[in-house]
Amino acid sequence: MNGYVWLGGAILAEVIATTMLKASDGFTKLTPSLITVAGYAFAFWCLSHSMKTVPVGVGYAIWSGVGIVLITGIAWIWFKQTLDLPAMLGMGLILAGVLVINLFSKASG
């Protein structure tokens, strides 16, 4: 399987796990706590497979950058977290960085 497909799975699992981490209320709610642990374990398993073909710096930059943006979007919609202009600009810069790496960098493989 393509390393970037594995990376996509890692990102999705990490986003679900982080969302459930908030919902676990400090690991006091069983179901969200179990999903958190399983999600992070699956995320790292997928990430380890992506690192077979995706350069580690590029893979981690994409994983963390896309994860940050997705989690922030979920926090905005689901948890009603407010985002001010600097937060929105920062998210835009993170997305721009991920796009630059993927579209223009020879390091992305």
C-alpha atoms as a PDB file:
ATOM      1  CA  MET A   1       0.000   0.000   0.000  1.00  0.00           C
ATOM      2  CA  ASN A   2       1.173   3.546  -0.745  1.00  0.00           C
ATOM      3  CA  GLY A   3       2.903   5.304   2.166  1.00  0.00           C
ATOM      4  CA  TYR A   4       0.632   8.305   1.813  1.00  0.00           C
ATOM      5  CA  VAL A   5      -2.450   6.089   2.171  1.00  0.00           C
ATOM      6  CA  TRP A   6      -0.974   4.791   5.436  1.00  0.00           C
ATOM      7  CA  LEU A   7      -0.290   8.394   6.431  1.00  0.00           C
ATOM      8  CA  GLY A   8      -3.925   9.300   5.723  1.00  0.00           C
ATOM      9  CA  GLY A   9      -5.043   6.449   7.972  1.00  0.00           C
ATOM     10  CA  ALA A  10      -2.682   7.661  10.695  1.00  0.00           C
ATOM     11  CA  ILE A  11      -4.075  11.176  10.452  1.00  0.00           C
ATOM     12  CA  LEU A  12      -7.683   9.995  10.567  1.00  0.00           C
ATOM     13  CA  ALA A  13      -7.041   7.714  13.561  1.00  0.00           C
ATOM     14  CA  GLU A  14      -5.160  10.455  15.416  1.00  0.00           C
ATOM     15  CA  VAL A  15      -7.951  12.973  14.814  1.00  0.00           C
ATOM     16  CA  ILE A  16     -10.564  10.521  16.101  1.00  0.00           C
ATOM     17  CA  ALA A  17      -8.405   9.662  19.118  1.00  0.00           C
ATOM     18  CA  THR A  18      -7.791  13.306  19.985  1.00  0.00           C
ATOM     19  CA  THR A  19     -11.480  14.134  19.641  1.00  0.00           C
ATOM     20  CA  MET A  20     -12.330  11.255  21.952  1.00  0.00           C
ATOM     21  CA  LEU A  21      -9.604  12.375  24.371  1.00  0.00           C
ATOM     22  CA  LYS A  22     -11.556  15.581  24.884  1.00  0.00           C
ATOM     23  CA  ALA A  23     -14.794  13.600  25.177  1.00  0.00           C
ATOM     24  CA  SER A  24     -13.239  11.183  27.701  1.00  0.00           C
ATOM     25  CA  ASP A  25     -13.300  13.941  30.329  1.00  0.00           C
ATOM     26  CA  GLY A  26      -9.909  13.070  31.766  1.00  0.00           C
ATOM     27  CA  PHE A  27     -10.365   9.331  31.132  1.00  0.00           C
ATOM     28  CA  THR A  28     -13.440   9.255  33.379  1.00  0.00           C
ATOM     29  CA  LYS A  29     -15.770   8.062  30.588  1.00  0.00           C
ATOM     30  CA  LEU A  30     -15.081   4.498  29.488  1.00  0.00           C
ATOM     31  CA  THR A  31     -16.100   4.434  25.822  1.00  0.00           C
ATOM     32  CA  PRO A  32     -14.307   7.615  24.721  1.00  0.00           C
ATOM     33  CA  SER A  33     -11.265   6.530  26.771  1.00  0.00           C
ATOM     34  CA  LEU A  34     -11.096   3.151  25.019  1.00  0.00           C
ATOM     35  CA  ILE A  35     -11.512   4.789  21.598  1.00  0.00           C
ATOM     36  CA  THR A  36      -8.709   7.221  22.488  1.00  0.00           C
ATOM     37  CA  VAL A  37      -6.237   4.480  23.385  1.00  0.00           C
ATOM     38  CA  ALA A  38      -7.168   2.307  20.413  1.00  0.00           C
ATOM     39  CA  GLY A  39      -7.104   5.303  18.064  1.00  0.00           C
ATOM     40  CA  TYR A  40      -3.629   6.413  19.100  1.00  0.00           C
ATOM     41  CA  ALA A  41      -2.306   2.845  18.880  1.00  0.00           C
ATOM     42  CA  PHE A  42      -3.767   2.470  15.381  1.00  0.00           C
ATOM     43  CA  ALA A  43      -2.459   5.906  14.369  1.00  0.00           C
ATOM     44  CA  PHE A  44       1.106   5.021  15.335  1.00  0.00           C
ATOM     45  CA  TRP A  45       0.815   1.636  13.657  1.00  0.00           C
ATOM     46  CA  CYS A  46      -0.280   3.313  10.411  1.00  0.00           C
ATOM     47  CA  LEU A  47       2.387   6.002  10.804  1.00  0.00           C
ATOM     48  CA  SER A  48       5.067   3.327  11.201  1.00  0.00           C
ATOM     49  CA  HIS A  49       3.967   1.744   7.913  1.00  0.00           C
ATOM     50  CA  SER A  50       3.965   5.103   6.144  1.00  0.00           C
ATOM     51  CA  MET A  51       7.559   5.696   7.245  1.00  0.00           C
ATOM     52  CA  LYS A  52       8.665   2.731   5.131  1.00  0.00           C
ATOM     53  CA  THR A  53       8.341   4.911   2.033  1.00  0.00           C
ATOM     54  CA  VAL A  54       7.545   8.476   3.164  1.00  0.00           C
ATOM     55  CA  PRO A  55      10.534  10.504   4.431  1.00  0.00           C
ATOM     56  CA  VAL A  56      10.228  10.906   8.206  1.00  0.00           C
ATOM     57  CA  GLY A  57      10.420  14.716   8.239  1.00  0.00           C
ATOM     58  CA  VAL A  58       7.860  15.088   5.471  1.00  0.00           C
ATOM     59  CA  GLY A  59       5.543  12.444   6.908  1.00  0.00           C
ATOM     60  CA  TYR A  60       5.619  13.938  10.375  1.00  0.00           C
ATOM     61  CA  ALA A  61       5.087  17.469   9.040  1.00  0.00           C
ATOM     62  CA  ILE A  62       2.037  16.346   7.093  1.00  0.00           C
ATOM     63  CA  TRP A  63       0.708  14.201   9.957  1.00  0.00           C
ATOM     64  CA  SER A  64       1.002  16.934  12.538  1.00  0.00           C
ATOM     65  CA  GLY A  65      -0.034  19.825  10.260  1.00  0.00           C
ATOM     66  CA  VAL A  66      -3.139  18.203   8.822  1.00  0.00           C
ATOM     67  CA  GLY A  67      -4.010  16.788  12.255  1.00  0.00           C
ATOM     68  CA  ILE A  68      -3.794  20.249  13.853  1.00  0.00           C
ATOM     69  CA  VAL A  69      -6.047  21.787  11.227  1.00  0.00           C
ATOM     70  CA  LEU A  70      -8.623  18.975  11.380  1.00  0.00           C
ATOM     71  CA  ILE A  71      -8.705  18.921  15.191  1.00  0.00           C
ATOM     72  CA  THR A  72      -9.126  22.683  15.271  1.00  0.00           C
ATOM     73  CA  GLY A  73     -12.027  22.409  12.833  1.00  0.00           C
ATOM     74  CA  ILE A  74     -13.669  19.717  14.952  1.00  0.00           C
ATOM     75  CA  ALA A  75     -13.125  21.777  18.111  1.00  0.00           C
ATOM     76  CA  TRP A  76     -14.726  24.768  16.387  1.00  0.00           C
ATOM     77  CA  ILE A  77     -17.781  22.812  15.187  1.00  0.00           C
ATOM     78  CA  TRP A  78     -18.300  20.135  17.857  1.00  0.00           C
ATOM     79  CA  PHE A  79     -16.899  21.716  21.017  1.00  0.00           C
ATOM     80  CA  LYS A  80     -17.859  25.316  20.073  1.00  0.00           C
ATOM     81  CA  GLN A  81     -14.275  26.571  20.465  1.00  0.00           C
ATOM     82  CA  THR A  82     -14.019  30.093  19.116  1.00  0.00           C
ATOM     83  CA  LEU A  83     -11.335  30.894  16.582  1.00  0.00           C
ATOM     84  CA  ASP A  84     -10.094  34.436  16.224  1.00  0.00           C
ATOM     85  CA  LEU A  85      -8.362  35.916  13.181  1.00  0.00           C
ATOM     86  CA  PRO A  86      -4.819  34.990  14.281  1.00  0.00           C
ATOM     87  CA  ALA A  87      -5.919  31.381  14.842  1.00  0.00           C
ATOM     88  CA  MET A  88      -7.512  31.239  11.388  1.00  0.00           C
ATOM     89  CA  LEU A  89      -4.423  32.799   9.782  1.00  0.00           C
ATOM     90  CA  GLY A  90      -2.214  30.291  11.595  1.00  0.00           C
ATOM     91  CA  MET A  91      -4.306  27.395  10.310  1.00  0.00           C
ATOM     92  CA  GLY A  92      -4.015  28.815   6.813  1.00  0.00           C
ATOM     93  CA  LEU A  93      -0.238  28.995   7.139  1.00  0.00           C
ATOM     94  CA  ILE A  94      -0.082  25.392   8.351  1.00  0.00           C
ATOM     95  CA  LEU A  95      -2.163  24.253   5.359  1.00  0.00           C
ATOM     96  CA  ALA A  96       0.013  26.323   3.044  1.00  0.00           C
ATOM     97  CA  GLY A  97       3.112  24.649   4.471  1.00  0.00           C
ATOM     98  CA  VAL A  98       1.699  21.173   3.928  1.00  0.00           C
ATOM     99  CA  LEU A  99       0.756  22.094   0.352  1.00  0.00           C
ATOM    100  CA  VAL A 100       4.198  23.557  -0.381  1.00  0.00           C
ATOM    101  CA  ILE A 101       5.876  20.383   0.892  1.00  0.00           C
ATOM    102  CA  ASN A 102       3.646  18.148  -1.216  1.00  0.00           C
ATOM    103  CA  LEU A 103       3.539  20.197  -4.389  1.00  0.00           C
ATOM    104  CA  PHE A 104       7.015  21.682  -4.629  1.00  0.00           C
ATOM    105  CA  SER A 105       9.475  19.828  -2.415  1.00  0.00           C
ATOM    106  CA  LYS A 106      11.671  17.101  -3.830  1.00  0.00           C
ATOM    107  CA  ALA A 107      11.998  15.796  -0.253  1.00  0.00           C
ATOM    108  CA  SER A 108       8.417  14.513  -0.291  1.00  0.00           C
ATOM    109  CA  GLY A 109       9.449  11.531  -2.384  1.00  0.00           C
END
